[in-house]
C-alpha atoms as a PDB file:
ATOM      1  CA  UNK A   1      36.371 -33.966  11.848  1.00  0.00           C
ATOM      2  CA  UNK A   2      39.600 -32.005  11.763  1.00  0.00           C
ATOM      3  CA  UNK A   3      42.160 -32.864   8.897  1.00  0.00           C
ATOM      4  CA  UNK A   4      45.904 -33.452  10.004  1.00  0.00           C
ATOM      5  CA  UNK A   5      49.162 -31.756   9.578  1.00  0.00           C
ATOM      6  CA  UNK A   6      49.763 -34.536   7.216  1.00  0.00           C
ATOM      7  CA  UNK A   7      46.804 -34.475   5.310  1.00  0.00           C
ATOM      8  CA  UNK A   8      47.427 -30.442   4.814  1.00  0.00           C
ATOM      9  CA  UNK A   9      50.987 -30.826   4.010  1.00  0.00           C
ATOM     10  CA  UNK A  10      50.039 -33.515   1.484  1.00  0.00           C
ATOM     11  CA  UNK A  11      47.219 -31.771  -0.443  1.00  0.00           C
ATOM     12  CA  UNK A  12      50.189 -29.091  -0.455  1.00  0.00           C
ATOM     13  CA  UNK A  13      52.928 -30.670  -1.567  1.00  0.00           C
ATOM     14  CA  UNK A  14      50.133 -32.183  -4.305  1.00  0.00           C
ATOM     15  CA  UNK A  15      48.793 -28.688  -5.504  1.00  0.00           C
ATOM     16  CA  UNK A  16      52.372 -27.188  -5.711  1.00  0.00           C
ATOM     17  CA  UNK A  17      53.822 -30.387  -7.564  1.00  0.00           C
ATOM     18  CA  UNK A  18      50.819 -31.651 -10.354  1.00  0.00           C
ATOM     19  CA  UNK A  19      49.169 -28.570 -11.970  1.00  0.00           C
ATOM     20  CA  UNK A  20      46.521 -30.506 -13.289  1.00  0.00           C
ATOM     21  CA  UNK A  21      45.937 -31.272  -9.706  1.00  0.00           C
ATOM     22  CA  UNK A  22      45.598 -27.597  -8.590  1.00  0.00           C
ATOM     23  CA  UNK A  23      43.375 -26.477 -11.079  1.00  0.00           C
ATOM     24  CA  UNK A  24      41.019 -30.093 -10.692  1.00  0.00           C
ATOM     25  CA  UNK A  25      40.993 -28.539  -6.428  1.00  0.00           C
ATOM     26  CA  UNK A  26      39.400 -24.683  -7.558  1.00  0.00           C
ATOM     27  CA  UNK A  27      37.276 -26.267 -10.099  1.00  0.00           C
ATOM     28  CA  UNK A  28      36.217 -28.340  -7.119  1.00  0.00           C
ATOM     29  CA  UNK A  29      36.344 -25.986  -4.548  1.00  0.00           C
ATOM     30  CA  UNK A  30      33.699 -23.550  -7.219  1.00  0.00           C
ATOM     31  CA  UNK A  31      31.615 -25.925  -8.079  1.00  0.00           C
ATOM     32  CA  UNK A  32      31.031 -27.642  -3.884  1.00  0.00           C
ATOM     33  CA  UNK A  33      30.030 -23.971  -3.198  1.00  0.00           C
ATOM     34  CA  UNK A  34      27.551 -23.426  -6.318  1.00  0.00           C
ATOM     35  CA  UNK A  35      26.777 -27.263  -5.265  1.00  0.00           C
ATOM     36  CA  UNK A  36      25.078 -24.862  -2.210  1.00  0.00           C
ATOM     37  CA  UNK A  37      27.760 -26.723  -0.173  1.00  0.00           C
ATOM     38  CA  UNK A  38      28.817 -23.416   0.807  1.00  0.00           C
ATOM     39  CA  UNK A  39      31.399 -24.729   3.983  1.00  0.00           C
ATOM     40  CA  UNK A  40      32.957 -27.124   1.993  1.00  0.00           C
ATOM     41  CA  UNK A  41      33.486 -25.152  -1.074  1.00  0.00           C
ATOM     42  CA  UNK A  42      35.052 -22.690   1.560  1.00  0.00           C
ATOM     43  CA  UNK A  43      37.680 -25.044   3.122  1.00  0.00           C
ATOM     44  CA  UNK A  44      38.603 -26.492  -0.651  1.00  0.00           C
ATOM     45  CA  UNK A  45      39.240 -23.177  -1.410  1.00  0.00           C
ATOM     46  CA  UNK A  46      41.197 -21.896   1.681  1.00  0.00           C
ATOM     47  CA  UNK A  47      43.202 -24.664   1.120  1.00  0.00           C
ATOM     48  CA  UNK A  48      43.897 -23.709  -2.567  1.00  0.00           C
ATOM     49  CA  UNK A  49      44.361 -20.516  -1.444  1.00  0.00           C
ATOM     50  CA  UNK A  50      47.320 -21.309   1.064  1.00  0.00           C
ATOM     51  CA  UNK A  51      48.559 -23.383  -1.336  1.00  0.00           C
ATOM     52  CA  UNK A  52      49.128 -21.267  -4.264  1.00  0.00           C
ATOM     53  CA  UNK A  53      48.574 -17.300  -3.999  1.00  0.00           C
ATOM     54  CA  UNK A  54      48.355 -16.827  -0.358  1.00  0.00           C
ATOM     55  CA  UNK A  55      46.390 -15.216   1.590  1.00  0.00           C
ATOM     56  CA  UNK A  56      48.414 -11.842   1.812  1.00  0.00           C
ATOM     57  CA  UNK A  57      49.669 -11.664  -1.324  1.00  0.00           C
ATOM     58  CA  UNK A  58      45.771 -12.725  -2.510  1.00  0.00           C
ATOM     59  CA  UNK A  59      44.688  -9.501  -0.036  1.00  0.00           C
ATOM     60  CA  UNK A  60      47.318  -7.340  -1.986  1.00  0.00           C
ATOM     61  CA  UNK A  61      46.471  -8.123  -4.908  1.00  0.00           C
ATOM     62  CA  UNK A  62      42.485  -7.823  -4.052  1.00  0.00           C
ATOM     63  CA  UNK A  63      42.126  -4.683  -2.111  1.00  0.00           C
ATOM     64  CA  UNK A  64      40.943  -6.979   0.651  1.00  0.00           C
ATOM     65  CA  UNK A  65      42.799  -7.418   4.391  1.00  0.00           C
ATOM     66  CA  UNK A  66      44.162 -10.843   4.644  1.00  0.00           C
ATOM     67  CA  UNK A  67      42.895 -11.043   8.167  1.00  0.00           C
ATOM     68  CA  UNK A  68      39.184 -10.350   6.627  1.00  0.00           C
ATOM     69  CA  UNK A  69      40.307 -13.357   4.197  1.00  0.00           C
ATOM     70  CA  UNK A  70      41.092 -15.793   6.893  1.00  0.00           C
ATOM     71  CA  UNK A  71      37.986 -15.210   8.743  1.00  0.00           C
ATOM     72  CA  UNK A  72      36.330 -15.335   5.146  1.00  0.00           C
ATOM     73  CA  UNK A  73      37.200 -17.998   4.128  1.00  0.00           C
ATOM     74  CA  UNK A  74      36.860 -19.902   7.941  1.00  0.00           C
ATOM     75  CA  UNK A  75      34.441 -21.704   8.836  1.00  0.00           C
ATOM     76  CA  UNK A  76      32.000 -19.497  10.518  1.00  0.00           C
ATOM     77  CA  UNK A  77      32.867 -16.805   8.060  1.00  0.00           C
ATOM     78  CA  UNK A  78      29.849 -15.783   5.738  1.00  0.00           C
ATOM     79  CA  UNK A  79      31.325 -14.051   2.902  1.00  0.00           C
ATOM     80  CA  UNK A  80      29.555 -11.462   1.002  1.00  0.00           C
ATOM     81  CA  UNK A  81      29.072 -12.945  -3.128  1.00  0.00           C
ATOM     82  CA  UNK A  82      31.130  -9.531  -4.166  1.00  0.00           C
ATOM     83  CA  UNK A  83      33.981 -10.279  -1.922  1.00  0.00           C
ATOM     84  CA  UNK A  84      34.074 -14.082  -2.987  1.00  0.00           C
ATOM     85  CA  UNK A  85      33.511 -13.776  -6.618  1.00  0.00           C
ATOM     86  CA  UNK A  86      36.027 -11.278  -6.480  1.00  0.00           C
ATOM     87  CA  UNK A  87      38.454 -13.918  -5.002  1.00  0.00           C
ATOM     88  CA  UNK A  88      37.299 -16.292  -7.378  1.00  0.00           C
ATOM     89  CA  UNK A  89      37.644 -14.014 -10.435  1.00  0.00           C
ATOM     90  CA  UNK A  90      41.597 -13.065  -8.845  1.00  0.00           C
ATOM     91  CA  UNK A  91      41.783 -17.162  -8.260  1.00  0.00           C
ATOM     92  CA  UNK A  92      40.919 -18.094 -12.021  1.00  0.00           C
ATOM     93  CA  UNK A  93      43.473 -15.268 -13.781  1.00  0.00           C
ATOM     94  CA  UNK A  94      46.253 -16.290 -11.335  1.00  0.00           C
ATOM     95  CA  UNK A  95      45.643 -19.755 -12.333  1.00  0.00           C
ATOM     96  CA  UNK A  96      45.256 -18.842 -16.255  1.00  0.00           C
ATOM     97  CA  UNK A  97      42.547 -20.479 -15.767  1.00  0.00           C
ATOM     98  CA  UNK A  98      38.416 -19.184 -17.215  1.00  0.00           C
ATOM     99  CA  UNK A  99      35.164 -21.945 -15.304  1.00  0.00           C
ATOM    100  CA  UNK A 100      32.453 -21.828 -17.181  1.00  0.00           C
ATOM    101  CA  UNK A 101      28.933 -23.035 -15.592  1.00  0.00           C
ATOM    102  CA  UNK A 102      26.882 -25.263 -17.780  1.00  0.00           C
ATOM    103  CA  UNK A 103      23.454 -26.972 -16.958  1.00  0.00           C
ATOM    104  CA  UNK A 104      22.726 -30.610 -16.653  1.00  0.00           C
ATOM    105  CA  UNK A 105      19.744 -31.928 -17.288  1.00  0.00           C
ATOM    106  CA  UNK A 106      18.798 -33.918 -14.273  1.00  0.00           C
END
């Protein structure tokens, strides 16, 4: 299901206005990837990147082409672990966060 422009604009406005929401969106994107839902995790991170650092700046700061990053986080993108973790590391630094993985018993 395609998201409407109004929804994407609402997410963008909320990310820019609410630091807690912005941090939660980054955390949710990474947790979703780790849970194995790669497509949804990439979509969340794509929205996060667009609303924060942007693909142009992210590309310049990670040494990747912005077009490659856009494809990587697109619906058919299949990022290599090295590239994905490089981006995640940069996003954490940019946000001033350090996220940690913890094991929860099932």
